[in-house]
Structures are given as structure tokens and as C-alpha cells.
Amino acid sequence: MSVAESVLLVAIVAVGTYLSRAGMILLLSGRDLPDRVLRALRYVGPAVLAALVVTFVADPEEANRGVSAAELAGLAVSASVHARWKSLVATLVAGMIAFWVVRELV
């Protein structure tokens, strides 16, 4: 596969991904979602996080390495921020910043 074909393929996939995500937003804009759907959407963030954790733990090579100081710092900061503010976005941002800072320092 040539470079031009690779770039074209990446561009096509990018456009398809964008349209599939933007399409739902554009189709549903200005409409009220049913309460049942809104209740279900509250669990999407935690479900994605749980799926990421499970895939990390399920990989034997990753699990055998143990937990690093950066991961523990990110977990501790995330738990603290969530306990205080109950915001998923704040929890993710604070945990990732703590993880990155400690990873660079250690």
C-alpha cells in the first residue's frame, strides 16, 4: 500500500467516524430524550471506565507488572475528587493529571 493510499484510507475512516458520531448529535439536537434513555446514559461513563479497568487487569502481562506509584497516585486523587465533588469529568481530569505528574517525577 502506497503512502497516498494510506493517507486516503485514514481520511475515509476519519470522515466515517466523525459522521457516525456527529450524526446522532445532529439528529437528536432540539429534541427531548425520554427519561429512560437519560437514566441509562448516566451509566455510560462508569461502564467505560470499568471496561478499561477489566481489560487492563485481564491482560496477564500487565497484571504481572504490578501497580506503579503513578497509578496509585491517580487512583487516590480520583477517589478524593469524586468523594468531594461527585463529578465524573473532574474525577477523570484530576486523576489523569496526578498520574502524568507522578509518572514524570518517578
Protein backbone atom coordinates (compact mmCIF):
# COMPACT_ATOMS: atom_id res chain seq x y z
CA MET A 1 0.00 0.00 0.00
CA SER A 2 1.44 3.36 -1.01
CA VAL A 3 1.62 6.42 1.20
CA ALA A 4 -1.14 8.12 -0.78
CA GLU A 5 -3.43 5.10 -0.37
CA SER A 6 -2.69 5.01 3.37
CA VAL A 7 -3.48 8.70 3.77
CA LEU A 8 -6.68 8.30 1.78
CA LEU A 9 -7.73 5.31 3.89
CA VAL A 10 -7.08 7.21 7.13
CA ALA A 11 -9.06 10.19 5.79
CA ILE A 12 -12.01 7.98 4.83
CA VAL A 13 -12.04 6.31 8.25
CA ALA A 14 -11.78 9.71 9.95
CA VAL A 15 -14.73 11.11 7.99
CA GLY A 16 -16.79 7.98 8.65
CA THR A 17 -16.04 8.14 12.36
CA TYR A 18 -16.88 11.84 12.52
CA LEU A 19 -20.17 11.38 10.66
CA SER A 20 -21.22 8.44 12.83
CA ARG A 21 -20.67 10.48 15.98
CA ALA A 22 -21.91 13.84 14.75
CA GLY A 23 -24.91 12.23 13.09
CA MET A 24 -26.55 11.24 16.37
CA ILE A 25 -25.89 14.66 17.86
CA LEU A 26 -27.35 16.43 14.85
CA LEU A 27 -30.34 14.09 14.59
CA LEU A 28 -31.21 14.45 18.26
CA SER A 29 -30.50 18.16 18.68
CA GLY A 30 -33.51 20.13 19.78
CA ARG A 31 -35.38 17.01 20.91
CA ASP A 32 -36.04 15.84 24.43
CA LEU A 33 -34.83 12.35 25.22
CA PRO A 34 -37.10 10.04 27.17
CA ASP A 35 -36.35 9.75 30.89
CA ARG A 36 -35.49 6.08 30.44
CA VAL A 37 -32.73 6.97 27.97
CA LEU A 38 -31.39 9.75 30.19
CA ARG A 39 -31.20 7.37 33.15
CA ALA A 40 -29.32 4.82 31.04
CA LEU A 41 -26.86 7.43 29.74
CA ARG A 42 -25.77 8.23 33.30
CA TYR A 43 -24.08 4.84 33.43
CA VAL A 44 -22.11 5.11 30.19
CA GLY A 45 -19.07 6.83 31.74
CA PRO A 46 -18.69 4.43 34.66
CA ALA A 47 -19.27 1.45 32.34
CA VAL A 48 -16.50 2.61 30.01
CA LEU A 49 -14.13 3.10 32.94
CA ALA A 50 -14.98 -0.35 34.27
CA ALA A 51 -14.34 -1.87 30.84
CA LEU A 52 -10.94 -0.19 30.68
CA VAL A 53 -10.01 -1.49 34.12
CA VAL A 54 -11.14 -5.01 33.28
CA THR A 55 -9.09 -5.09 30.08
CA PHE A 56 -6.05 -3.83 32.00
CA VAL A 57 -6.43 -6.43 34.73
CA ALA A 58 -7.32 -9.26 32.34
CA ASP A 59 -4.04 -8.86 30.43
CA PRO A 60 -1.62 -11.19 32.25
CA GLU A 61 1.46 -9.26 31.16
CA GLU A 62 0.06 -6.00 32.55
CA ALA A 63 -1.22 -7.64 35.73
CA ASN A 64 2.15 -9.25 36.49
CA ARG A 65 3.92 -5.90 36.39
CA GLY A 66 2.10 -4.73 39.49
CA VAL A 67 0.72 -1.30 40.20
CA SER A 68 3.01 1.69 39.78
CA ALA A 69 3.25 4.73 42.04
CA ALA A 70 1.74 6.85 39.28
CA GLU A 71 -1.31 4.58 39.05
CA LEU A 72 -1.79 4.65 42.81
CA ALA A 73 -1.49 8.44 42.85
CA GLY A 74 -4.05 8.76 40.06
CA LEU A 75 -6.41 6.41 41.85
CA ALA A 76 -6.06 8.23 45.19
CA VAL A 77 -6.60 11.66 43.65
CA SER A 78 -9.54 10.41 41.59
CA ALA A 79 -11.20 8.89 44.64
CA SER A 80 -10.69 12.07 46.65
CA VAL A 81 -12.04 14.35 43.93
CA HIS A 82 -15.05 12.10 43.33
CA ALA A 83 -15.84 11.89 47.05
CA ARG A 84 -15.76 15.68 47.30
CA TRP A 85 -17.43 16.88 44.07
CA LYS A 86 -19.19 13.82 42.54
CA SER A 87 -18.22 14.98 39.05
CA LEU A 88 -17.06 12.41 36.51
CA VAL A 89 -15.21 14.99 34.42
CA ALA A 90 -13.40 16.48 37.43
CA THR A 91 -12.56 12.98 38.63
CA LEU A 92 -11.05 11.97 35.28
CA VAL A 93 -9.13 15.20 34.80
CA ALA A 94 -7.66 15.25 38.31
CA GLY A 95 -6.77 11.56 38.24
CA MET A 96 -5.04 11.80 34.86
CA ILE A 97 -3.10 14.92 35.86
CA ALA A 98 -1.91 13.20 39.05
CA PHE A 99 -0.96 10.10 37.07
CA TRP A 100 1.03 12.08 34.49
CA VAL A 101 2.80 14.23 37.07
CA VAL A 102 3.86 11.30 39.24
CA ARG A 103 4.88 9.25 36.19
CA GLU A 104 7.18 12.06 35.05
CA LEU A 105 8.66 12.54 38.53
CA VAL A 106 9.36 8.89 39.28
